[in-house]
Amino acid sequence: MYSEITAAIQSTKTAIELVKAAHGLSNYSELLTAVTAVQIKLTDAIASELASQEKQAALAERVRELEKQIAEIEDWKSQIQRYALFQFPATNALAYALKAGSECGEPMHYLCTACVDKKKKTTLQPHGRFLHCPECKTDIATEKSKPINYGGRGSS
């Protein structure tokens, strides 16, 4: 009789486990659906994080570019402050002249106004009565031209 009671208890336990398993199967389907939904949300979150990192990297690169531009502008300003706009008395032509006291070991020289307007520092080179810009090919007259003597007869 003891073995029959044990068998009955064992059968009851097995029946309870089968009921739990059957109940678990419906819960498993719901669990699988919930896990899938969580995985989809996690995938979306990872995609958003990657997109955010890409934007952050692009913004960081843009900041570096802007910092470089600011440094170039500040460098240009410090360079051009060494010069003053100069008008040649004979021709009224303009060029930027190196200010006295700003030589830093450089000889006196002039910069092309057209190039300075383009933020280029081009030293004008002497060429006869002109200063010639090797960059933009501008010639700046520093002296008035001499009258041409044709050797003709003067009026009497």
Protein backbone atom coordinates (compact mmCIF):
# COMPACT_ATOMS: atom_id res chain seq x y z
CA MET A 1 0.00 0.00 0.00
CA TYR A 2 2.88 2.30 0.66
CA SER A 3 4.07 1.86 -2.90
CA GLU A 4 0.58 2.63 -4.24
CA ILE A 5 0.42 5.85 -2.22
CA THR A 6 3.89 6.78 -3.46
CA ALA A 7 2.84 6.01 -7.04
CA ALA A 8 -0.31 8.11 -6.58
CA ILE A 9 1.70 11.01 -5.21
CA GLN A 10 4.19 10.63 -8.05
CA SER A 11 1.35 10.57 -10.59
CA THR A 12 -0.14 13.67 -9.02
CA LYS A 13 3.21 15.42 -9.16
CA THR A 14 3.58 14.41 -12.82
CA ALA A 15 0.08 15.66 -13.60
CA ILE A 16 0.81 18.98 -11.87
CA GLU A 17 4.05 19.30 -13.86
CA LEU A 18 2.17 18.57 -17.10
CA VAL A 19 -0.43 21.22 -16.23
CA LYS A 20 2.36 23.68 -15.41
CA ALA A 21 4.14 22.80 -18.65
CA ALA A 22 0.96 23.30 -20.66
CA HIS A 23 0.37 26.58 -18.85
CA GLY A 24 4.05 27.43 -19.41
CA LEU A 25 3.68 26.93 -23.14
CA SER A 26 1.14 29.73 -23.38
CA ASN A 27 3.34 31.88 -21.15
CA TYR A 28 6.35 30.94 -23.29
CA SER A 29 4.63 32.31 -26.36
CA GLU A 30 3.88 35.56 -24.52
CA LEU A 31 7.44 35.64 -23.16
CA LEU A 32 8.85 35.09 -26.65
CA THR A 33 6.71 37.97 -27.96
CA ALA A 34 7.89 40.23 -25.11
CA VAL A 35 11.54 39.26 -25.65
CA THR A 36 11.21 39.99 -29.36
CA ALA A 37 9.70 43.41 -28.60
CA VAL A 38 12.54 44.16 -26.19
CA GLN A 39 15.11 43.08 -28.80
CA ILE A 40 13.51 45.37 -31.40
CA LYS A 41 13.61 48.29 -28.96
CA LEU A 42 17.21 47.48 -28.07
CA THR A 43 18.15 47.37 -31.77
CA ASP A 44 16.47 50.74 -32.29
CA ALA A 45 18.31 52.18 -29.28
CA ILE A 46 21.65 50.90 -30.61
CA ALA A 47 20.90 52.40 -34.05
CA SER A 48 20.01 55.73 -32.40
CA GLU A 49 23.24 55.63 -30.38
CA LEU A 50 25.29 54.99 -33.52
CA ALA A 51 23.54 57.84 -35.33
CA SER A 52 24.16 60.07 -32.32
CA GLN A 53 27.85 59.13 -32.28
CA GLU A 54 28.12 59.89 -36.01
CA LYS A 55 26.50 63.31 -35.46
CA GLN A 56 28.81 63.97 -32.53
CA ALA A 57 31.85 63.03 -34.61
CA ALA A 58 30.68 65.30 -37.43
CA LEU A 59 30.11 68.16 -34.98
CA ALA A 60 33.54 67.61 -33.41
CA GLU A 61 35.11 67.76 -36.88
CA ARG A 62 33.20 70.97 -37.64
CA VAL A 63 34.41 72.47 -34.35
CA ARG A 64 38.01 71.58 -35.31
CA GLU A 65 37.53 73.23 -38.72
CA LEU A 66 36.08 76.38 -37.15
CA GLU A 67 38.86 76.53 -34.55
CA LYS A 68 41.39 76.26 -37.40
CA GLN A 69 39.64 79.07 -39.28
CA ILE A 70 39.62 81.24 -36.14
CA ALA A 71 43.33 80.57 -35.63
CA GLU A 72 44.03 81.52 -39.26
CA ILE A 73 42.00 84.73 -38.92
CA GLU A 74 43.77 85.67 -35.69
CA ASP A 75 47.15 84.92 -37.30
CA TRP A 76 46.19 87.05 -40.30
CA LYS A 77 45.09 89.91 -38.04
CA SER A 78 48.36 89.81 -36.13
CA GLN A 79 50.35 89.78 -39.39
CA ILE A 80 48.42 92.59 -41.09
CA GLN A 81 48.60 94.82 -37.98
CA ARG A 82 52.28 95.23 -38.81
CA TYR A 83 51.28 97.20 -41.95
CA ALA A 84 49.54 100.48 -42.71
CA LEU A 85 47.91 101.64 -45.90
CA PHE A 86 50.36 103.92 -47.70
CA GLN A 87 49.68 106.35 -50.54
CA PHE A 88 52.58 107.09 -52.88
CA PRO A 89 52.75 110.89 -53.10
CA ALA A 90 53.68 111.11 -56.78
CA THR A 91 50.91 108.83 -58.09
CA ASN A 92 48.39 108.50 -55.23
CA ALA A 93 48.64 104.70 -55.71
CA LEU A 94 48.06 102.59 -52.60
CA ALA A 95 49.98 99.73 -51.02
CA TYR A 96 50.41 98.40 -47.51
CA ALA A 97 53.72 99.54 -46.02
CA LEU A 98 55.55 97.84 -43.18
CA LYS A 99 55.17 100.04 -40.08
CA ALA A 100 58.28 101.41 -38.43
CA GLY A 101 59.11 99.28 -35.40
CA SER A 102 57.40 96.20 -36.87
CA GLU A 103 60.32 95.05 -38.97
CA CYS A 104 61.26 91.88 -37.00
CA GLY A 105 64.47 91.75 -39.03
CA GLU A 106 62.70 92.32 -42.37
CA PRO A 107 63.65 95.18 -44.71
CA MET A 108 61.08 97.83 -45.56
CA HIS A 109 58.60 96.46 -48.10
CA TYR A 110 55.09 96.89 -49.44
CA LEU A 111 52.16 94.50 -49.80
CA CYS A 112 49.69 94.40 -52.68
CA THR A 113 46.31 95.86 -51.65
CA ALA A 114 44.37 93.49 -53.92
CA CYS A 115 46.06 90.47 -52.36
CA VAL A 116 45.62 91.78 -48.82
CA ASP A 117 41.90 92.11 -49.55
CA LYS A 118 42.01 88.37 -50.38
CA LYS A 119 43.94 87.70 -47.15
CA LYS A 120 47.16 86.95 -49.03
CA LYS A 121 50.43 88.49 -47.99
CA THR A 122 52.23 89.21 -51.27
CA THR A 123 55.34 91.36 -51.23
CA LEU A 124 55.52 93.81 -54.12
CA GLN A 125 58.71 93.66 -56.19
CA PRO A 126 60.42 96.69 -57.76
CA HIS A 127 60.12 96.85 -61.52
CA GLY A 128 61.25 100.18 -62.94
CA ARG A 129 58.96 102.92 -61.72
CA PHE A 130 56.43 100.30 -60.63
CA LEU A 131 56.01 97.82 -57.84
CA HIS A 132 54.91 94.51 -59.34
CA CYS A 133 52.76 91.89 -57.60
CA PRO A 134 53.93 88.40 -58.56
CA GLU A 135 50.62 86.90 -57.34
CA CYS A 136 47.95 88.95 -59.12
CA LYS A 137 50.26 90.62 -61.69
CA THR A 138 49.21 94.14 -60.61
CA ASP A 139 51.65 96.98 -61.28
CA ILE A 140 51.56 99.93 -58.88
CA ALA A 141 53.11 103.13 -60.14
CA THR A 142 55.34 104.76 -57.54
CA GLU A 143 56.60 107.60 -59.76
CA LYS A 144 54.96 109.69 -62.41
CA SER A 145 55.99 108.93 -65.93
CA LYS A 146 58.52 111.25 -67.47
CA PRO A 147 57.30 113.34 -70.37
CA ILE A 148 58.27 111.95 -73.72
CA ASN A 149 60.58 114.18 -75.72
CA TYR A 150 60.03 113.54 -79.41
CA GLY A 151 63.00 115.68 -80.38
CA GLY A 152 60.76 117.86 -82.45
CA ARG A 153 61.13 121.55 -83.01
CA GLY A 154 59.93 123.77 -80.31
CA SER A 155 57.73 126.72 -81.11
CA SER A 156 59.45 130.02 -81.44
